[in-house]
Amino acid sequence: MTEEVPIYDPELLKKFNLGERYETLKQDESLHVRPLYMSDYGRGFLELLGELTQRARLEDVVHC
């Protein structure tokens, strides 16, 4: 198994105030917040996030 490479520094999540949402996350052990990984693109996670939120087009941000 290859090592997961986060798209951004995971420490940023510790600085982010999730407010009420954090209390919900703490109550359900099956839920957790983690950084996006480069491998998530191939798993369809970014497409899912695009359905749930507004995001920049990945093609405009990442130049492979």
Foldseek 3Di string as FASTA:
>chain_A
DDDWAFPDDFVVVVVDDPDPVVVVQVVDVVDDDTGDTPCVVVVCPVVVVVVVDPDDPVVVVDDD
